[in-house]
Amino acid sequence: MDSIKRIFKFQNRDLKKSIGVFWGIILIVNLLSSILSISYNSNIIYGLNSKGGEAISFIGANMMSIFIFIIIYGIIMYYEDFALALSFGVTRKDFYRSAIVNNMLVAIIFGIIQGGLHLIEGYFFKTSGYKLMTEFGIFNTSTDNILFIILSLSVFFLALLSISNLLGVLQYRFGYKLWIGVGVVFLLVLNSTGVSFSIKTIKMLSNMYLWFYSVFNAGSVFILEVILAAICYSIGYFFIRKASIKK
């Protein structure tokens, strides 16, 4: 237990600062985008749009930035911390346990902040003149209470963190070979499906996301996300438990 506490503190050494800087920038962007959009009468719009642009959510646009942060965070944890932690006598099992606890903490923190911002946005839009986007698939800000929204976001972020953690493990284990394989698969998918990354494609993916959450109820979605997280963490441990230490 003491070793887990030590590695947990070690893993959180720079995480607090990273989270603080990240959310500081996000809050500034949210504030400025809201002010500019209102000041220039919709000529400048930064936010997540729905229903042909009729409804907007400035806070909803944070999800893409959060996704990028989570992916980078999962990879850096192993690239920078794993070998150093093992050199101080920490076992792979203790490191991995601590990584999962760390991921859970990050998911909860991000869920609380993002959920709180959605609540603030709801009050803000009452006087802004904009139509607020309230439906986000896993929750609806106009009908669901704040605790449910935070829980929905936290579980969703944990699922993303489990995928990011697995990517970090595979990156550490296989290095550049992993990304060559990912690139080959990516190109094969593009060539076989003819998909191009345009605004139309992004809207199509957004519609698929909303359709998926419309098919399943909240309880089913939570169960699927927890199962996904359990699978990703299990596969990650399988690959990291015998990984050689890289200097």
Protein backbone atom coordinates (compact mmCIF):
# COMPACT_ATOMS: atom_id res chain seq x y z
CA MET A 1 0.00 0.00 0.00
CA ASP A 2 2.89 2.39 0.83
CA SER A 3 4.47 1.79 -2.58
CA ILE A 4 1.16 2.56 -4.29
CA LYS A 5 0.88 5.81 -2.32
CA ARG A 6 4.43 6.76 -3.32
CA ILE A 7 3.92 6.11 -7.01
CA PHE A 8 0.54 7.84 -6.89
CA LYS A 9 2.21 10.99 -5.56
CA PHE A 10 4.93 10.59 -8.18
CA GLN A 11 2.42 10.31 -11.01
CA ASN A 12 0.59 13.39 -9.74
CA ARG A 13 3.81 15.39 -9.50
CA ASP A 14 3.16 17.39 -12.66
CA LEU A 15 -0.47 16.44 -13.26
CA LYS A 16 -1.91 19.14 -10.99
CA LYS A 17 -0.04 21.84 -12.87
CA SER A 18 -1.03 20.37 -16.25
CA ILE A 19 -4.70 20.24 -15.30
CA GLY A 20 -4.57 23.77 -13.91
CA VAL A 21 -2.96 25.20 -17.06
CA PHE A 22 -5.31 23.24 -19.33
CA TRP A 23 -8.51 24.37 -17.62
CA GLY A 24 -7.18 27.90 -17.22
CA ILE A 25 -6.78 28.14 -20.99
CA ILE A 26 -10.17 26.47 -21.59
CA LEU A 27 -11.94 28.93 -19.27
CA ILE A 28 -10.33 31.91 -21.00
CA VAL A 29 -11.35 30.55 -24.42
CA ASN A 30 -14.92 29.90 -23.20
CA LEU A 31 -15.20 33.40 -21.77
CA LEU A 32 -13.73 35.19 -24.78
CA SER A 33 -15.74 33.16 -27.29
CA SER A 34 -18.96 33.91 -25.40
CA ILE A 35 -18.21 37.64 -25.20
CA LEU A 36 -17.17 37.90 -28.88
CA SER A 37 -20.19 35.94 -30.10
CA ILE A 38 -22.61 38.17 -28.20
CA SER A 39 -20.78 41.41 -28.98
CA TYR A 40 -20.67 40.78 -32.74
CA ASN A 41 -24.25 39.50 -33.05
CA SER A 42 -23.41 35.93 -34.10
CA ASN A 43 -20.90 36.95 -36.78
CA ILE A 44 -18.23 35.24 -34.71
CA ILE A 45 -19.32 31.87 -33.38
CA TYR A 46 -17.12 29.43 -31.51
CA GLY A 47 -19.00 26.50 -30.08
CA LEU A 48 -20.76 23.21 -30.65
CA ASN A 49 -23.71 23.67 -33.02
CA SER A 50 -26.80 21.58 -33.57
CA LYS A 51 -30.05 21.76 -35.54
CA GLY A 52 -28.51 23.63 -38.45
CA GLY A 53 -26.78 26.14 -36.19
CA GLU A 54 -29.97 27.13 -34.38
CA ALA A 55 -28.65 25.93 -31.01
CA ILE A 56 -25.14 26.38 -29.68
CA SER A 57 -23.05 25.38 -26.67
CA PHE A 58 -19.74 27.09 -25.99
CA ILE A 59 -18.98 24.57 -23.25
CA GLY A 60 -19.78 21.61 -25.50
CA ALA A 61 -16.86 22.62 -27.71
CA ASN A 62 -14.53 21.74 -24.81
CA MET A 63 -14.95 18.04 -25.51
CA MET A 64 -12.51 18.00 -28.41
CA SER A 65 -9.82 19.73 -26.32
CA ILE A 66 -10.49 17.32 -23.45
CA PHE A 67 -10.16 14.38 -25.83
CA ILE A 68 -6.77 15.61 -27.06
CA PHE A 69 -5.56 16.20 -23.47
CA ILE A 70 -6.61 12.69 -22.42
CA ILE A 71 -4.79 11.04 -25.35
CA ILE A 72 -1.57 12.97 -24.69
CA TYR A 73 -1.83 12.37 -20.94
CA GLY A 74 -2.18 8.59 -21.38
CA ILE A 75 0.87 8.35 -23.63
CA ILE A 76 3.10 10.66 -21.58
CA MET A 77 2.42 8.75 -18.35
CA TYR A 78 4.30 5.71 -19.69
CA TYR A 79 6.75 7.54 -21.91
CA GLU A 80 8.05 9.74 -19.07
CA ASP A 81 7.16 8.03 -15.77
CA PHE A 82 7.10 4.25 -16.18
CA ALA A 83 10.82 3.52 -16.54
CA LEU A 84 11.77 6.07 -13.89
CA ALA A 85 9.27 4.64 -11.39
CA LEU A 86 10.53 1.08 -11.93
CA SER A 87 14.12 2.22 -11.46
CA PHE A 88 13.14 3.29 -7.92
CA GLY A 89 11.89 -0.20 -7.09
CA VAL A 90 8.18 0.21 -7.88
CA THR A 91 6.62 -2.94 -9.31
CA ARG A 92 4.73 -2.95 -12.59
CA LYS A 93 1.60 -4.08 -10.75
CA ASP A 94 1.75 -1.19 -8.27
CA PHE A 95 2.42 1.31 -11.05
CA TYR A 96 -0.55 0.03 -13.03
CA ARG A 97 -2.87 0.08 -10.02
CA SER A 98 -1.84 3.63 -9.29
CA ALA A 99 -2.35 4.57 -12.95
CA ILE A 100 -5.95 3.32 -12.82
CA VAL A 101 -6.66 5.23 -9.60
CA ASN A 102 -5.05 8.28 -11.17
CA ASN A 103 -7.26 7.92 -14.24
CA MET A 104 -10.36 7.67 -12.08
CA LEU A 105 -9.39 10.84 -10.24
CA VAL A 106 -8.81 12.72 -13.51
CA ALA A 107 -12.17 11.51 -14.85
CA ILE A 108 -13.99 12.77 -11.75
CA ILE A 109 -12.20 16.14 -11.74
CA PHE A 110 -12.90 16.70 -15.44
CA GLY A 111 -16.51 15.56 -14.97
CA ILE A 112 -17.05 18.03 -12.12
CA ILE A 113 -15.48 20.95 -13.99
CA GLN A 114 -17.19 20.29 -17.33
CA GLY A 115 -20.52 19.58 -15.64
CA GLY A 116 -20.22 22.75 -13.57
CA LEU A 117 -19.48 24.78 -16.70
CA HIS A 118 -22.60 23.39 -18.37
CA LEU A 119 -24.60 24.56 -15.33
CA ILE A 120 -23.06 28.05 -15.52
CA GLU A 121 -23.71 28.16 -19.26
CA GLY A 122 -27.39 27.44 -18.64
CA TYR A 123 -27.72 30.52 -16.45
CA PHE A 124 -25.67 32.60 -18.87
CA PHE A 125 -27.87 31.76 -21.86
CA LYS A 126 -31.00 33.01 -20.14
CA THR A 127 -29.94 36.57 -20.90
CA SER A 128 -27.74 36.06 -23.98
CA GLY A 129 -30.41 35.71 -26.64
CA TYR A 130 -28.89 32.50 -27.99
CA LYS A 131 -30.72 29.19 -28.13
CA LEU A 132 -28.84 26.79 -25.89
CA MET A 133 -27.91 23.32 -27.09
CA THR A 134 -29.03 20.98 -24.31
CA GLU A 135 -28.96 17.47 -25.80
CA PHE A 136 -25.57 15.75 -25.63
CA GLY A 137 -26.56 12.13 -25.95
CA ILE A 138 -25.35 10.92 -22.56
CA PHE A 139 -27.21 13.72 -20.77
CA ASN A 140 -29.56 16.64 -21.31
CA THR A 141 -28.73 19.83 -19.44
CA SER A 142 -32.36 21.00 -19.41
CA THR A 143 -33.86 17.82 -17.90
CA ASP A 144 -31.06 16.08 -15.98
CA ASN A 145 -29.74 17.24 -12.61
CA ILE A 146 -26.13 18.28 -12.12
CA LEU A 147 -25.15 15.10 -10.25
CA PHE A 148 -26.32 12.93 -13.13
CA ILE A 149 -24.48 15.14 -15.63
CA ILE A 150 -21.25 14.91 -13.62
CA LEU A 151 -21.64 11.13 -13.27
CA SER A 152 -22.31 10.76 -17.01
CA LEU A 153 -19.28 12.83 -17.92
CA SER A 154 -17.01 11.12 -15.38
CA VAL A 155 -17.86 7.62 -16.63
CA PHE A 156 -17.47 8.77 -20.23
CA PHE A 157 -14.08 10.34 -19.49
CA LEU A 158 -12.98 7.17 -17.67
CA ALA A 159 -13.78 5.13 -20.79
CA LEU A 160 -11.69 7.56 -22.87
CA LEU A 161 -8.89 7.41 -20.30
CA SER A 162 -8.88 3.61 -20.45
CA ILE A 163 -8.40 3.78 -24.22
CA SER A 164 -5.69 6.43 -23.79
CA ASN A 165 -3.99 4.29 -21.15
CA LEU A 166 -3.99 1.32 -23.53
CA LEU A 167 -2.47 3.48 -26.26
CA GLY A 168 0.19 4.61 -23.79
CA VAL A 169 1.02 1.00 -22.92
CA LEU A 170 1.18 -0.07 -26.57
CA GLN A 171 3.27 2.98 -27.45
CA TYR A 172 5.74 2.10 -24.70
CA ARG A 173 5.82 -1.58 -25.65
CA PHE A 174 6.05 -1.28 -29.44
CA GLY A 175 7.24 2.29 -30.03
CA TYR A 176 7.10 3.64 -33.57
CA LYS A 177 5.92 0.25 -34.89
CA LEU A 178 2.54 0.87 -33.28
CA TRP A 179 1.99 4.12 -35.17
CA ILE A 180 3.12 2.57 -38.46
CA GLY A 181 0.47 -0.10 -37.96
CA VAL A 182 -2.15 2.48 -37.01
CA GLY A 183 -1.26 4.55 -40.06
CA VAL A 184 -1.55 1.57 -42.40
CA VAL A 185 -4.94 0.57 -40.98
CA PHE A 186 -6.12 4.21 -41.15
CA LEU A 187 -5.16 4.51 -44.83
CA LEU A 188 -6.79 1.17 -45.67
CA VAL A 189 -10.02 2.29 -44.03
CA LEU A 190 -9.99 5.60 -45.90
CA ASN A 191 -9.30 3.91 -49.23
CA SER A 192 -11.92 1.21 -48.74
CA THR A 193 -14.69 3.50 -47.48
CA GLY A 194 -13.86 6.69 -49.36
CA VAL A 195 -14.30 8.73 -46.18
CA SER A 196 -12.81 12.23 -46.16
CA PHE A 197 -12.45 14.46 -43.13
CA SER A 198 -14.75 17.32 -44.05
CA ILE A 199 -17.35 19.29 -42.14
CA LYS A 200 -19.94 16.91 -43.57
CA THR A 201 -18.05 13.92 -42.20
CA ILE A 202 -17.78 15.50 -38.75
CA LYS A 203 -21.54 16.13 -38.74
CA MET A 204 -22.12 12.53 -39.81
CA LEU A 205 -20.01 11.26 -36.92
CA SER A 206 -21.88 13.58 -34.55
CA ASN A 207 -25.21 12.19 -35.77
CA MET A 208 -23.92 8.63 -35.31
CA TYR A 209 -22.90 9.52 -31.75
CA LEU A 210 -26.35 10.92 -30.93
CA TRP A 211 -28.03 7.93 -32.59
CA PHE A 212 -25.99 5.51 -30.51
CA TYR A 213 -27.03 7.18 -27.26
CA SER A 214 -30.66 7.38 -28.41
CA VAL A 215 -30.77 3.58 -28.86
CA PHE A 216 -29.49 2.75 -25.37
CA ASN A 217 -30.79 4.10 -22.08
CA ALA A 218 -28.48 5.77 -19.56
CA GLY A 219 -28.01 2.59 -17.52
CA SER A 220 -26.99 0.56 -20.56
CA VAL A 221 -24.54 3.24 -21.68
CA PHE A 222 -22.89 3.33 -18.25
CA ILE A 223 -22.54 -0.46 -18.24
CA LEU A 224 -21.03 -0.47 -21.75
CA GLU A 225 -18.56 2.28 -20.81
CA VAL A 226 -17.51 0.46 -17.63
CA ILE A 227 -17.08 -2.81 -19.57
CA LEU A 228 -15.01 -0.99 -22.20
CA ALA A 229 -12.80 0.51 -19.47
CA ALA A 230 -12.35 -2.89 -17.80
CA ILE A 231 -11.38 -4.52 -21.11
CA CYS A 232 -8.88 -1.77 -22.02
CA TYR A 233 -7.24 -1.81 -18.58
CA SER A 234 -7.02 -5.62 -18.64
CA ILE A 235 -5.40 -5.66 -22.09
CA GLY A 236 -3.06 -2.86 -21.00
CA TYR A 237 -1.85 -4.83 -17.99
CA PHE A 238 -1.28 -7.90 -20.17
CA PHE A 239 1.13 -5.90 -22.35
CA ILE A 240 2.86 -3.89 -19.61
CA ARG A 241 3.49 -6.61 -17.04
CA LYS A 242 6.45 -8.02 -18.99
CA ALA A 243 7.54 -4.90 -20.81
CA SER A 244 11.27 -4.25 -20.73
CA ILE A 245 12.50 -1.05 -19.14
CA LYS A 246 13.53 1.49 -21.76
CA LYS A 247 16.06 4.17 -20.96
